[in-house]
Structure formats: C-alpha cells, structure tokens
C-alpha cells in the first residue's frame, strides 16, 4: 500500500471507524460542541440574544441589545442560530465561521471588539448541533450551513459578494474554503487552517484518500479571491505546516502572518494580529 502502510491503515480504521467513513472521522476529529452559552428569546416575532454567565459577556446591556439575532434554514432542513454585530460606517461585512469547541455566545464579546477595531460588520452563526442550532455536526452540514448563511447576506441584507470577507478559524476554515472555492468575494482570512483530516491525524500523509475528511487542500487552488493566512508557530493542535501549505497552494495571497510563539487559541492576544488584519482590510483589499 503505497504512501500508507497496512499497519497505519489498520490503526486508522481502529481509531476512527471501521469501515472508514468520512463523516465519522470528521465527528471524532473536530466536533466538540459545548453546552449552549446562550438562548434566543422570541419577542414580537423577532429573536433576542440572551447570554448565560458562561458566555462571559464583557460589554454593557445596551450593546447586547444592539446585536441582531435571527435564524435561517439550510437545505438539509436544519435551523441555524445567527447574529449580526453592526458597527458605524462599515467597510465590509465579515462572515465569521468559528472554531470547534465554542458557540456564538462565547464568541460574541470578542467579535464585538473585533468588528469595532476593523470597522466591519460581523455575521456569525452556529453550526448544526452547536448552540441553539438544530441537528448534529457533520462535514456535510458544515457546507450546507455556510451556504445558507451566505445566501442570507444577499437576501436579508442586500450585500454583494465584493462587500463580504469570509473569515474561518480552525475547523471554520473548512466551510470557508469550500465556499470561497465556489464564489468570488471581497477577501478571505484563514486563521489556523488545516489541510485535511488525514493529514492532521497522520502528518506523513501525502495524498487525499477516498475516506479523508475536510479535504481543503484540494479546494484552495480554486479560490479566486485574495487570501490572508494566519497561523501560530507553536500551534499544538494544527501544526503551522498546514498553514504554510495552504498559503502556497492559494493562487492569490498576501504576505501571511506567522505569529511567533502563538499557539492554537491565543493568536488574538498578539498585537500583530489586529495590525495585520487592519492592513489587509484597509489597504490590500482596496488595491487588489
């Protein structure tokens, strides 16, 4: 068995599933939905975001009330929880796909601050099986989820693709890359991306197997938008080699941000994170 010994193949089947099934590999590799840190209250036909203590909200009640909450349906008949965080005179709207062990309640405070500093609206959502979204997390649902959110940006808010930035973090880079490979947008940010599930679990993997999950490496060459890749040099979850490979395979990139000393979950505390995003949005996208 070229490139993958029989022993390694047998080990893979034993760890993940037997026979190998991409959806089961994906579920065991990536999906760790927390207990919901928020709820959506119905008020006169509208939704209101109600945060629990675990969400660790850092702003005022007034700012919380300004966040627009709503739900949408996917082609797989799941209902997704979404929120839109607005800022005055936004340059772009960022479609933010979060990491694997959080929900939008936990992300809200961070995204309020990020949107304000970048002068962008931010729309984020929970994957199927996360937070108040229905269903179960799966690779197929990831793609259907972001597709539904993407269409809501034009149908609900009248946004054009060139006014949208796709931002994926960790597992969120999987649906982000899939969508970016099919639509041209204002820009794409890939924060701690992975090349594929097999390559993450078995770093010596050199090809995409039929049972591989999250084969982003095979999709990035189809991205026509300009891409910024961000990765920590000490990432203990997704090695920086994944980010470097993704960067090399993208047809249109700007200088990547390799954050020296950063791990998987702390890139945001380094000052160069905001500095690099600001330069990307304020300067590089305008001249691309």
Protein backbone atom coordinates (compact mmCIF):
# COMPACT_ATOMS: atom_id res chain seq x y z
CA UNK A 1 0.00 0.00 0.00
CA UNK A 2 1.96 2.98 -1.33
CA UNK A 3 2.35 6.00 0.96
CA UNK A 4 0.40 4.43 3.82
CA UNK A 5 1.48 1.14 5.38
CA UNK A 6 -1.09 -1.55 6.08
CA UNK A 7 -0.37 -1.20 9.80
CA UNK A 8 -1.07 2.52 9.69
CA UNK A 9 -4.22 1.94 7.65
CA UNK A 10 -5.43 -0.65 10.17
CA UNK A 11 -4.63 1.75 13.01
CA UNK A 12 -6.61 4.49 11.30
CA UNK A 13 -9.66 2.28 10.94
CA UNK A 14 -9.43 1.24 14.57
CA UNK A 15 -9.15 4.79 15.85
CA UNK A 16 -11.78 6.43 13.74
CA UNK A 17 -14.19 3.84 12.36
CA UNK A 18 -14.41 0.55 10.55
CA UNK A 19 -15.03 0.59 7.67
CA UNK A 20 -13.61 4.11 7.25
CA UNK A 21 -16.37 6.67 6.89
CA UNK A 22 -15.57 10.37 6.34
CA UNK A 23 -18.45 11.65 8.45
CA UNK A 24 -17.40 9.53 11.43
CA UNK A 25 -13.76 10.54 11.03
CA UNK A 26 -14.87 14.16 10.93
CA UNK A 27 -17.05 13.86 14.01
CA UNK A 28 -14.27 12.30 16.08
CA UNK A 29 -11.61 14.68 14.81
CA UNK A 30 -13.27 18.01 15.04
CA UNK A 31 -16.68 18.46 16.58
CA UNK A 32 -16.74 19.35 20.27
CA UNK A 33 -19.85 21.48 20.78
CA UNK A 34 -20.00 22.97 24.28
CA UNK A 35 -23.09 23.30 26.41
CA UNK A 36 -25.01 26.27 24.93
CA UNK A 37 -23.92 29.57 26.45
CA UNK A 38 -26.93 31.50 25.17
CA UNK A 39 -30.57 31.25 24.17
CA UNK A 40 -32.75 33.03 21.63
CA UNK A 41 -35.85 34.67 23.09
CA UNK A 42 -38.90 35.33 20.91
CA UNK A 43 -40.13 38.90 21.20
CA UNK A 44 -42.91 40.01 18.89
CA UNK A 45 -41.80 37.82 16.02
CA UNK A 46 -38.14 38.76 16.46
CA UNK A 47 -35.26 37.00 18.17
CA UNK A 48 -33.23 38.40 21.05
CA UNK A 49 -29.85 37.07 22.11
CA UNK A 50 -29.79 36.10 25.80
CA UNK A 51 -26.32 35.29 27.11
CA UNK A 52 -25.63 32.94 30.00
CA UNK A 53 -22.79 33.54 32.52
CA UNK A 54 -20.60 31.03 30.66
CA UNK A 55 -20.57 33.40 27.67
CA UNK A 56 -18.51 35.88 29.75
CA UNK A 57 -20.06 38.99 28.17
CA UNK A 58 -17.69 41.96 28.56
CA UNK A 59 -19.82 44.89 27.42
CA UNK A 60 -22.98 46.70 28.52
CA UNK A 61 -26.61 45.57 28.28
CA UNK A 62 -27.20 48.36 25.77
CA UNK A 63 -24.54 46.96 23.43
CA UNK A 64 -26.00 43.49 23.79
CA UNK A 65 -29.43 44.77 22.78
CA UNK A 66 -27.97 46.17 19.56
CA UNK A 67 -26.93 42.71 18.35
CA UNK A 68 -29.40 41.36 15.82
CA UNK A 69 -30.28 37.68 16.29
CA UNK A 70 -32.18 35.55 13.81
CA UNK A 71 -32.48 32.01 12.47
CA UNK A 72 -32.28 30.56 8.98
CA UNK A 73 -32.98 27.17 7.40
CA UNK A 74 -30.46 25.09 5.47
CA UNK A 75 -31.03 22.80 2.52
CA UNK A 76 -30.60 19.93 4.95
CA UNK A 77 -33.62 21.23 6.93
CA UNK A 78 -31.64 22.41 9.92
CA UNK A 79 -32.31 25.70 11.70
CA UNK A 80 -29.22 27.80 12.42
CA UNK A 81 -28.79 30.49 15.06
CA UNK A 82 -27.14 33.63 13.65
CA UNK A 83 -26.17 37.04 14.96
CA UNK A 84 -25.18 40.25 13.20
CA UNK A 85 -22.90 42.68 15.01
CA UNK A 86 -23.00 46.13 13.42
CA UNK A 87 -20.52 48.98 13.52
CA UNK A 88 -20.91 52.56 12.24
CA UNK A 89 -19.94 53.06 8.59
CA UNK A 90 -18.66 49.51 7.97
CA UNK A 91 -16.07 48.85 5.27
CA UNK A 92 -17.14 45.21 4.81
CA UNK A 93 -19.29 42.54 6.39
CA UNK A 94 -17.28 39.60 7.72
CA UNK A 95 -18.88 36.15 7.57
CA UNK A 96 -17.15 34.54 10.55
CA UNK A 97 -17.00 30.73 10.95
CA UNK A 98 -15.76 29.91 14.46
CA UNK A 99 -13.63 27.10 15.92
CA UNK A 100 -14.78 23.71 17.12
CA UNK A 101 -15.23 23.98 20.89
CA UNK A 102 -17.15 27.26 21.17
CA UNK A 103 -20.54 28.65 20.25
CA UNK A 104 -21.61 32.14 19.22
CA UNK A 105 -22.40 33.04 22.82
CA UNK A 106 -18.76 32.62 23.80
CA UNK A 107 -17.59 34.44 20.66
CA UNK A 108 -19.86 37.48 20.99
CA UNK A 109 -17.64 39.68 23.18
CA UNK A 110 -14.58 39.01 21.06
CA UNK A 111 -16.44 39.70 17.82
CA UNK A 112 -17.93 42.96 19.13
CA UNK A 113 -14.39 44.18 19.82
CA UNK A 114 -13.02 42.83 16.55
CA UNK A 115 -15.74 44.44 14.45
CA UNK A 116 -15.22 47.79 16.13
CA UNK A 117 -11.47 47.77 15.61
CA UNK A 118 -11.68 46.64 11.99
CA UNK A 119 -14.70 48.85 11.23
CA UNK A 120 -16.63 45.91 9.83
CA UNK A 121 -19.99 44.33 10.49
CA UNK A 122 -19.64 40.71 11.56
CA UNK A 123 -22.18 37.97 10.91
CA UNK A 124 -21.53 34.72 12.71
CA UNK A 125 -23.55 31.56 13.15
CA UNK A 126 -23.58 28.24 14.96
CA UNK A 127 -23.04 25.04 13.03
CA UNK A 128 -25.72 22.36 13.08
CA UNK A 129 -25.65 20.79 16.55
CA UNK A 130 -23.96 23.81 18.18
CA UNK A 131 -25.62 26.31 20.50
CA UNK A 132 -29.26 26.82 19.50
CA UNK A 133 -28.82 25.35 16.03
CA UNK A 134 -30.66 22.10 15.37
CA UNK A 135 -29.31 18.81 14.05
CA UNK A 136 -25.92 17.20 14.51
CA UNK A 137 -22.50 18.39 13.42
CA UNK A 138 -21.14 16.75 10.30
CA UNK A 139 -18.94 17.63 7.36
CA UNK A 140 -21.94 17.75 5.03
CA UNK A 141 -23.80 20.04 7.39
CA UNK A 142 -20.79 22.36 7.61
CA UNK A 143 -21.02 23.04 3.90
CA UNK A 144 -24.82 23.37 3.91
CA UNK A 145 -24.65 25.67 6.93
CA UNK A 146 -22.29 28.23 5.43
CA UNK A 147 -24.12 28.10 2.10
CA UNK A 148 -27.36 29.07 3.83
CA UNK A 149 -25.68 31.90 5.75
CA UNK A 150 -24.01 33.12 2.56
CA UNK A 151 -27.33 33.40 0.76
CA UNK A 152 -28.86 35.20 3.75
CA UNK A 153 -26.32 38.00 3.32
CA UNK A 154 -27.75 38.87 -0.07
CA UNK A 155 -31.41 38.03 0.58
CA UNK A 156 -31.69 39.57 4.05
CA UNK A 157 -29.22 42.45 3.81
CA UNK A 158 -28.76 43.01 0.07
CA UNK A 159 -24.99 42.59 0.25
CA UNK A 160 -22.90 42.00 -2.86
CA UNK A 161 -20.06 39.42 -2.81
CA UNK A 162 -17.39 42.09 -3.19
CA UNK A 163 -18.53 43.62 0.12
CA UNK A 164 -18.11 40.35 2.05
CA UNK A 165 -15.00 38.94 3.70
CA UNK A 166 -15.01 35.24 4.57
CA UNK A 167 -13.18 34.51 7.83
CA UNK A 168 -12.65 30.94 9.05
CA UNK A 169 -10.89 29.91 12.24
CA UNK A 170 -9.61 26.35 12.78
CA UNK A 171 -12.45 23.98 11.79
CA UNK A 172 -14.21 27.09 10.47
CA UNK A 173 -11.65 27.26 7.66
CA UNK A 174 -13.20 24.08 6.22
CA UNK A 175 -16.57 25.59 5.21
CA UNK A 176 -14.86 28.91 4.47
CA UNK A 177 -12.52 27.32 1.92
CA UNK A 178 -15.34 25.31 0.42
CA UNK A 179 -17.45 28.44 -0.09
CA UNK A 180 -14.51 30.55 -1.31
CA UNK A 181 -13.69 27.88 -3.91
CA UNK A 182 -17.14 28.42 -5.44
CA UNK A 183 -17.73 32.18 -5.06
CA UNK A 184 -15.50 35.20 -5.51
CA UNK A 185 -15.71 37.59 -2.56
CA UNK A 186 -14.02 40.73 -1.26
CA UNK A 187 -11.38 38.73 0.60
CA UNK A 188 -10.69 35.58 2.62
CA UNK A 189 -8.97 35.14 6.00
CA UNK A 190 -7.84 31.64 7.00
CA UNK A 191 -6.93 31.54 10.69
CA UNK A 192 -5.09 28.34 11.73
CA UNK A 193 -6.30 26.29 8.73
CA UNK A 194 -5.96 22.54 8.31
CA UNK A 195 -5.17 20.83 5.02
CA UNK A 196 -7.31 17.73 5.65
CA UNK A 197 -8.39 15.40 8.43
CA UNK A 198 -6.00 12.62 7.44
CA UNK A 199 -3.06 14.99 7.20
CA UNK A 200 -3.91 16.33 10.64
CA UNK A 201 -4.11 12.88 12.23
CA UNK A 202 -1.25 11.39 10.21
CA UNK A 203 1.24 14.14 9.26
CA UNK A 204 3.13 11.93 6.80
CA UNK A 205 0.05 11.59 4.57
CA UNK A 206 0.93 12.78 1.07
CA UNK A 207 -2.32 12.24 -0.83
CA UNK A 208 -6.04 12.63 -0.29
CA UNK A 209 -7.66 9.26 0.37
CA UNK A 210 -11.24 8.49 -0.55
CA UNK A 211 -12.22 8.41 3.14
CA UNK A 212 -10.43 11.64 4.06
CA UNK A 213 -12.46 14.35 5.78
CA UNK A 214 -12.18 18.10 5.27
CA UNK A 215 -10.02 17.95 2.08
CA UNK A 216 -9.42 21.70 2.00
CA UNK A 217 -6.02 21.18 0.37
CA UNK A 218 -7.79 20.05 -2.81
CA UNK A 219 -10.04 23.13 -2.91
CA UNK A 220 -7.76 26.09 -2.24
CA UNK A 221 -6.43 26.20 -5.80
CA UNK A 222 -9.96 27.14 -6.91
CA UNK A 223 -10.13 30.24 -4.70
CA UNK A 224 -10.10 33.32 -6.92
CA UNK A 225 -10.31 35.88 -4.09
CA UNK A 226 -7.32 37.34 -2.29
CA UNK A 227 -6.35 35.30 0.79
CA UNK A 228 -4.61 36.09 4.07
CA UNK A 229 -3.35 33.10 6.08
CA UNK A 230 -2.69 33.48 9.82
CA UNK A 231 -1.06 30.76 11.95
CA UNK A 232 0.85 30.44 15.21
CA UNK A 233 4.35 28.97 15.05
CA UNK A 234 3.72 26.95 18.24
CA UNK A 235 0.24 25.68 17.33
CA UNK A 236 -0.15 22.43 19.25
CA UNK A 237 -3.43 21.42 17.57
CA UNK A 238 -2.90 22.19 13.88
CA UNK A 239 0.79 22.41 13.03
CA UNK A 240 1.91 25.52 11.20
CA UNK A 241 2.93 23.32 8.26
CA UNK A 242 -0.80 23.18 7.39
CA UNK A 243 -0.97 26.97 7.19
CA UNK A 244 2.18 27.15 5.11
CA UNK A 245 0.88 24.54 2.66
CA UNK A 246 -2.50 26.27 2.33
CA UNK A 247 -0.73 29.59 1.70
CA UNK A 248 1.46 28.04 -1.00
CA UNK A 249 -1.50 26.46 -2.79
CA UNK A 250 -3.73 29.56 -2.91
CA UNK A 251 -3.45 31.35 -6.28
CA UNK A 252 -3.83 34.88 -4.84
CA UNK A 253 -2.32 35.62 -1.45
CA UNK A 254 -0.89 38.49 0.51
CA UNK A 255 2.01 38.14 2.93
CA UNK A 256 0.94 35.63 5.61
CA UNK A 257 1.08 36.27 9.34
CA UNK A 258 3.13 33.64 11.17
CA UNK A 259 2.76 34.64 14.82
CA UNK A 260 5.96 33.74 16.63
CA UNK A 261 5.27 31.91 19.89
CA UNK A 262 1.49 31.74 19.39
CA UNK A 263 -0.45 28.51 19.90
CA UNK A 264 -3.84 27.47 18.58
CA UNK A 265 -6.05 29.58 20.85
CA UNK A 266 -4.09 32.72 21.66
CA UNK A 267 -3.17 34.39 18.36
CA UNK A 268 -5.71 37.13 19.08
CA UNK A 269 -3.76 38.45 22.08
CA UNK A 270 -0.70 39.28 19.99
CA UNK A 271 -0.67 42.89 18.73
CA UNK A 272 0.35 41.89 15.21
CA UNK A 273 -2.97 40.07 14.80
CA UNK A 274 -5.07 43.26 14.67
CA UNK A 275 -2.31 45.15 12.87
CA UNK A 276 -2.18 42.57 10.07
CA UNK A 277 -5.96 42.34 9.70
CA UNK A 278 -6.23 46.13 9.59
CA UNK A 279 -3.64 46.37 6.82
CA UNK A 280 -5.35 43.59 4.87
CA UNK A 281 -8.80 45.18 5.06
CA UNK A 282 -7.86 48.86 4.83
CA UNK A 283 -5.12 48.68 2.22
CA UNK A 284 -4.51 45.37 0.48
CA UNK A 285 -8.14 44.65 -0.42
CA UNK A 286 -8.61 48.15 -1.81
CA UNK A 287 -5.74 47.73 -4.29
CA UNK A 288 -6.31 44.05 -5.18
